[in-house]
Amino acid sequence: MLEDLDASATVYLALIQRYTNQPEQADKTIASLKKKYPSYVSFPDLQQALN
């Protein structure tokens, strides 16, 4: 499933998982994002939102 999502959809999914108290799943989603889009996750605003 995660492989089919683009970068922004993956970010939104991770944020939803964090806000709905699913930290382990959010960590997996973020790891997938880092693997697929390594430069995308280096943006400071995104780092702040995901942590």
Protein backbone atom coordinates (compact mmCIF):
# COMPACT_ATOMS: atom_id res chain seq x y z
CA MET A 1 0.00 0.00 0.00
CA LEU A 2 2.66 2.57 0.99
CA GLU A 3 4.56 1.90 -2.20
CA ASP A 4 1.60 3.20 -4.22
CA LEU A 5 1.37 6.54 -2.43
CA ASP A 6 3.19 9.66 -3.56
CA ALA A 7 5.28 11.66 -1.10
CA SER A 8 2.60 14.09 0.04
CA ALA A 9 0.02 11.34 0.58
CA THR A 10 2.56 9.40 2.64
CA VAL A 11 3.20 12.47 4.80
CA TYR A 12 -0.50 12.99 5.38
CA LEU A 13 -0.91 9.34 6.30
CA ALA A 14 1.93 9.56 8.83
CA LEU A 15 0.43 12.71 10.35
CA ILE A 16 -2.99 11.09 10.63
CA GLN A 17 -1.40 8.08 12.29
CA ARG A 18 0.37 10.32 14.81
CA TYR A 19 -2.79 12.32 15.57
CA THR A 20 -4.83 9.14 16.04
CA ASN A 21 -2.33 7.68 18.50
CA GLN A 22 -0.74 5.10 16.21
CA PRO A 23 2.94 5.96 16.77
CA GLU A 24 4.35 2.59 15.71
CA GLN A 25 2.48 2.65 12.41
CA ALA A 26 3.48 6.29 11.89
CA ASP A 27 7.13 5.34 12.39
CA LYS A 28 6.79 2.63 9.73
CA THR A 29 5.18 5.09 7.34
CA ILE A 30 7.92 7.66 7.93
CA ALA A 31 10.59 4.99 7.40
CA SER A 32 8.95 4.13 4.09
CA LEU A 33 8.93 7.81 3.16
CA LYS A 34 12.62 8.17 4.02
CA LYS A 35 13.48 5.14 1.93
CA LYS A 36 11.49 6.21 -1.12
CA TYR A 37 12.03 9.99 -0.92
CA PRO A 38 15.20 10.61 1.13
CA SER A 39 15.59 14.27 0.15
CA TYR A 40 11.91 15.03 0.78
CA VAL A 41 12.11 14.30 4.49
CA SER A 42 15.03 16.69 4.99
CA PHE A 43 12.77 19.77 4.82
CA PRO A 44 12.77 21.42 8.28
CA ASP A 45 9.00 22.03 8.36
CA LEU A 46 8.33 18.44 7.50
CA GLN A 47 10.81 17.18 10.10
CA GLN A 48 9.09 19.30 12.74
CA ALA A 49 5.62 18.05 11.76
CA LEU A 50 6.64 14.40 11.78
CA ASN A 51 8.51 14.46 15.09
